[in-house]
């Protein structure tokens, strides 16, 4: 009976270095996850509080992923400088675009896995049996390329509508800083939750749509 013994080439220093790298990666991932969670909660609280102030229905949707786009859109529709203006249906548009984007993200992930598995299988087969790589390996990337293109388009469309809606929300609750907040939110996305949380307790300075009130209507 043959016994095979494998001797590790890793020294104690190499092991410590490896463990240090693994620990650093895990720590970094945990910190980033905590920051993302904190920003998500700040954004949700901000939209929830402003939705309550503005009388938006179902403000609790602010805490639910994807559905919070509907709440942000309803908030953007609620107030504007012109009290007789009928704004676009930001709530419906944002929700649809967000759902479409998430569906394409899932398809992209599926096609990525298929392309990776197909490529590895073909490369391993070619290496083991000294055969040329089949065309199927290249063809598996076609759905991946198409889905990545659609993902970019859907993400761009969603971002454009979202930042327009976001500007309306900023303008409703902090008119003086609306443009600044919007620009900074585009350039530094992590600031969006911070701004929404900061202005959450402000009173809307525009008249509700369809109602003229000299006390809260600006010329």
Protein backbone atom coordinates (compact mmCIF):
# COMPACT_ATOMS: atom_id res chain seq x y z
CA UNK A 1 0.00 0.00 0.00
CA UNK A 2 1.38 3.36 -1.01
CA UNK A 3 1.34 6.24 1.45
CA UNK A 4 1.73 9.78 0.26
CA UNK A 5 2.96 12.46 2.63
CA UNK A 6 2.79 16.13 1.76
CA UNK A 7 5.04 18.53 3.59
CA UNK A 8 3.97 22.12 3.84
CA UNK A 9 6.50 24.68 2.64
CA UNK A 10 4.92 27.41 4.70
CA UNK A 11 7.14 28.58 7.53
CA UNK A 12 5.80 30.05 10.76
CA UNK A 13 6.36 33.55 9.37
CA UNK A 14 4.53 32.68 6.17
CA UNK A 15 1.58 31.35 8.16
CA UNK A 16 1.47 34.48 10.30
CA UNK A 17 1.54 36.63 7.16
CA UNK A 18 -1.23 34.58 5.57
CA UNK A 19 -3.38 34.74 8.71
CA UNK A 20 -2.70 38.47 8.93
CA UNK A 21 -3.87 39.00 5.36
CA UNK A 22 -6.99 36.92 5.93
CA UNK A 23 -7.75 38.81 9.15
CA UNK A 24 -7.24 42.16 7.39
CA UNK A 25 -9.59 41.15 4.57
CA UNK A 26 -12.26 39.92 7.00
CA UNK A 27 -11.92 43.05 9.15
CA UNK A 28 -12.12 45.35 6.11
CA UNK A 29 -15.20 43.50 4.84
CA UNK A 30 -16.87 43.73 8.25
CA UNK A 31 -16.14 47.46 8.55
CA UNK A 32 -17.43 48.19 5.04
CA UNK A 33 -20.56 46.13 5.70
CA UNK A 34 -21.18 48.05 8.94
CA UNK A 35 -20.72 51.40 7.17
CA UNK A 36 -23.07 50.39 4.35
CA UNK A 37 -25.67 49.23 6.87
CA UNK A 38 -25.36 52.47 8.85
CA UNK A 39 -25.77 54.59 5.69
CA UNK A 40 -28.78 52.52 4.63
CA UNK A 41 -30.42 53.06 8.02
CA UNK A 42 -29.69 56.81 7.94
CA UNK A 43 -31.24 57.07 4.46
CA UNK A 44 -34.28 55.06 5.48
CA UNK A 45 -34.85 57.13 8.62
CA UNK A 46 -34.49 60.36 6.65
CA UNK A 47 -36.98 59.36 3.95
CA UNK A 48 -39.35 57.90 6.55
CA UNK A 49 -39.42 61.06 8.67
CA UNK A 50 -39.91 63.37 5.68
CA UNK A 51 -42.60 61.07 4.29
CA UNK A 52 -44.46 61.27 7.60
CA UNK A 53 -44.17 65.06 7.56
CA UNK A 54 -45.37 65.28 3.96
CA UNK A 55 -48.24 62.86 4.51
CA UNK A 56 -46.90 60.23 2.10
CA UNK A 57 -48.71 56.92 2.35
CA UNK A 58 -46.84 53.81 3.50
CA UNK A 59 -43.76 55.64 4.85
CA UNK A 60 -42.48 52.34 6.30
CA UNK A 61 -41.55 51.30 2.76
CA UNK A 62 -38.51 53.53 3.26
CA UNK A 63 -36.83 50.66 5.11
CA UNK A 64 -37.46 48.03 2.41
CA UNK A 65 -34.91 47.63 -0.41
CA UNK A 66 -36.20 48.55 -3.89
CA UNK A 67 -39.60 49.56 -2.45
CA UNK A 68 -37.93 52.61 -0.89
CA UNK A 69 -37.61 54.00 -4.42
CA UNK A 70 -41.40 54.28 -4.50
CA UNK A 71 -41.38 56.28 -1.25
CA UNK A 72 -38.64 58.61 -2.50
CA UNK A 73 -40.64 59.17 -5.69
CA UNK A 74 -43.85 59.91 -3.77
CA UNK A 75 -41.93 62.37 -1.64
CA UNK A 76 -40.61 64.07 -4.79
CA UNK A 77 -44.16 64.33 -6.15
CA UNK A 78 -45.62 65.77 -2.96
CA UNK A 79 -44.17 69.27 -2.90
CA UNK A 80 -42.97 71.76 -5.49
CA UNK A 81 -42.59 75.49 -6.01
CA UNK A 82 -45.64 75.68 -8.26
CA UNK A 83 -48.66 74.44 -6.26
CA UNK A 84 -50.74 73.74 -9.38
CA UNK A 85 -48.05 71.79 -11.23
CA UNK A 86 -48.70 68.12 -11.82
CA UNK A 87 -45.31 66.39 -11.54
CA UNK A 88 -44.25 63.20 -13.25
CA UNK A 89 -45.03 59.91 -11.55
CA UNK A 90 -41.59 59.61 -10.03
CA UNK A 91 -42.76 56.90 -7.64
CA UNK A 92 -43.91 54.54 -10.40
CA UNK A 93 -41.01 55.34 -12.74
CA UNK A 94 -38.38 54.86 -10.02
CA UNK A 95 -39.91 51.62 -8.79
CA UNK A 96 -40.13 50.13 -12.30
CA UNK A 97 -36.59 51.18 -13.21
CA UNK A 98 -35.24 49.81 -9.93
CA UNK A 99 -36.98 46.46 -10.40
CA UNK A 100 -35.73 46.20 -13.99
CA UNK A 101 -32.19 47.01 -12.84
CA UNK A 102 -32.28 44.31 -10.15
CA UNK A 103 -33.63 41.71 -12.60
CA UNK A 104 -30.82 42.50 -15.05
CA UNK A 105 -28.30 42.29 -12.18
CA UNK A 106 -29.51 38.77 -11.41
CA UNK A 107 -29.33 37.78 -15.08
CA UNK A 108 -25.82 39.24 -15.30
CA UNK A 109 -24.71 37.19 -12.28
CA UNK A 110 -26.20 34.02 -13.80
CA UNK A 111 -24.54 34.61 -17.18
CA UNK A 112 -21.25 35.40 -15.42
CA UNK A 113 -21.33 32.06 -13.60
CA UNK A 114 -22.22 30.21 -16.81
CA UNK A 115 -19.40 31.91 -18.73
CA UNK A 116 -16.89 31.20 -15.94
CA UNK A 117 -17.84 27.52 -15.62
CA UNK A 118 -17.86 27.01 -19.40
CA UNK A 119 -14.49 28.71 -19.83
CA UNK A 120 -12.81 26.75 -17.02
CA UNK A 121 -14.22 23.48 -18.32
CA UNK A 122 -13.05 24.14 -21.88
CA UNK A 123 -9.60 25.32 -20.80
CA UNK A 124 -9.12 22.33 -18.49
CA UNK A 125 -10.31 19.97 -21.20
CA UNK A 126 -7.97 21.52 -23.75
CA UNK A 127 -5.04 21.28 -21.34
CA UNK A 128 -5.72 17.67 -20.33
CA UNK A 129 -6.51 16.25 -23.75
CA UNK A 130 -4.41 18.59 -25.88
CA UNK A 131 -7.46 19.77 -27.82
CA UNK A 132 -8.31 23.24 -29.15
CA UNK A 133 -10.72 25.33 -27.11
CA UNK A 134 -14.24 24.97 -28.49
CA UNK A 135 -16.29 27.85 -29.81
CA UNK A 136 -18.82 27.35 -27.00
CA UNK A 137 -16.39 28.99 -24.58
CA UNK A 138 -16.47 32.22 -26.57
CA UNK A 139 -20.21 32.02 -27.27
CA UNK A 140 -20.92 31.80 -23.53
CA UNK A 141 -19.70 35.38 -23.17
CA UNK A 142 -22.29 36.82 -25.59
CA UNK A 143 -25.19 36.83 -23.07
CA UNK A 144 -22.77 38.21 -20.46
CA UNK A 145 -21.76 41.11 -22.71
CA UNK A 146 -25.36 41.88 -23.66
CA UNK A 147 -26.56 41.76 -20.05
CA UNK A 148 -23.68 44.01 -18.92
CA UNK A 149 -24.66 46.55 -21.58
CA UNK A 150 -28.31 46.43 -20.52
CA UNK A 151 -27.24 46.72 -16.88
CA UNK A 152 -25.30 49.91 -17.62
CA UNK A 153 -28.28 51.40 -19.49
CA UNK A 154 -30.77 50.50 -16.75
CA UNK A 155 -28.45 51.80 -14.02
CA UNK A 156 -27.95 55.07 -15.91
CA UNK A 157 -31.69 55.54 -16.47
CA UNK A 158 -32.45 54.82 -12.82
CA UNK A 159 -29.69 57.17 -11.62
CA UNK A 160 -30.93 60.06 -13.79
CA UNK A 161 -34.53 59.80 -12.56
CA UNK A 162 -33.41 59.20 -8.97
CA UNK A 163 -31.25 62.32 -8.82
CA UNK A 164 -34.00 64.43 -10.37
CA UNK A 165 -36.37 63.15 -7.69
CA UNK A 166 -33.70 63.66 -5.06
CA UNK A 167 -33.24 67.28 -6.10
CA UNK A 168 -36.99 67.86 -5.68
CA UNK A 169 -36.82 66.40 -2.18
CA UNK A 170 -33.81 68.53 -1.27
CA UNK A 171 -35.51 71.61 -2.74
CA UNK A 172 -38.64 70.90 -0.73
CA UNK A 173 -36.90 70.56 2.63
CA UNK A 174 -33.76 72.69 2.20
CA UNK A 175 -34.14 74.94 -0.84
CA UNK A 176 -30.93 76.91 -0.26
CA UNK A 177 -28.69 73.83 -0.37
CA UNK A 178 -30.66 71.73 -2.87
CA UNK A 179 -28.24 72.13 -5.80
CA UNK A 180 -25.17 71.64 -3.59
CA UNK A 181 -26.63 68.54 -1.95
CA UNK A 182 -27.59 67.08 -5.34
CA UNK A 183 -24.16 67.66 -6.88
CA UNK A 184 -22.38 66.19 -3.85
CA UNK A 185 -24.77 63.22 -3.83
CA UNK A 186 -23.87 62.50 -7.46
CA UNK A 187 -20.12 62.87 -6.90
CA UNK A 188 -20.00 61.18 -3.48
CA UNK A 189 -22.88 58.73 -3.23
CA UNK A 190 -22.29 58.05 0.47
CA UNK A 191 -23.33 61.64 1.27
CA UNK A 192 -26.90 61.13 0.04
CA UNK A 193 -28.02 59.23 3.18
CA UNK A 194 -26.28 61.83 5.35
CA UNK A 195 -28.09 64.75 3.69
CA UNK A 196 -31.47 63.01 3.84
CA UNK A 197 -30.94 62.29 7.53
CA UNK A 198 -29.80 65.86 8.30
CA UNK A 199 -32.86 67.52 6.71
CA UNK A 200 -35.37 64.96 7.99
CA UNK A 201 -36.82 67.31 10.64
CA UNK A 202 -37.12 70.34 8.34
CA UNK A 203 -40.54 71.57 7.41
CA UNK A 204 -41.25 71.58 3.65
CA UNK A 205 -40.94 75.13 2.32
CA UNK A 206 -43.09 74.59 -0.76
CA UNK A 207 -46.86 74.49 -0.93
CA UNK A 208 -48.52 71.08 -1.32
CA UNK A 209 -49.56 70.36 -4.89
CA UNK A 210 -52.99 71.66 -5.79
CA UNK A 211 -53.28 73.80 -2.66
CA UNK A 212 -52.35 77.48 -2.48
CA UNK A 213 -51.23 78.63 0.92
CA UNK A 214 -49.47 82.05 1.15
CA UNK A 215 -47.69 80.94 4.34
CA UNK A 216 -45.66 78.21 2.67
CA UNK A 217 -45.67 79.26 -0.97
CA UNK A 218 -42.66 81.06 -2.40
CA UNK A 219 -42.91 83.32 -5.41
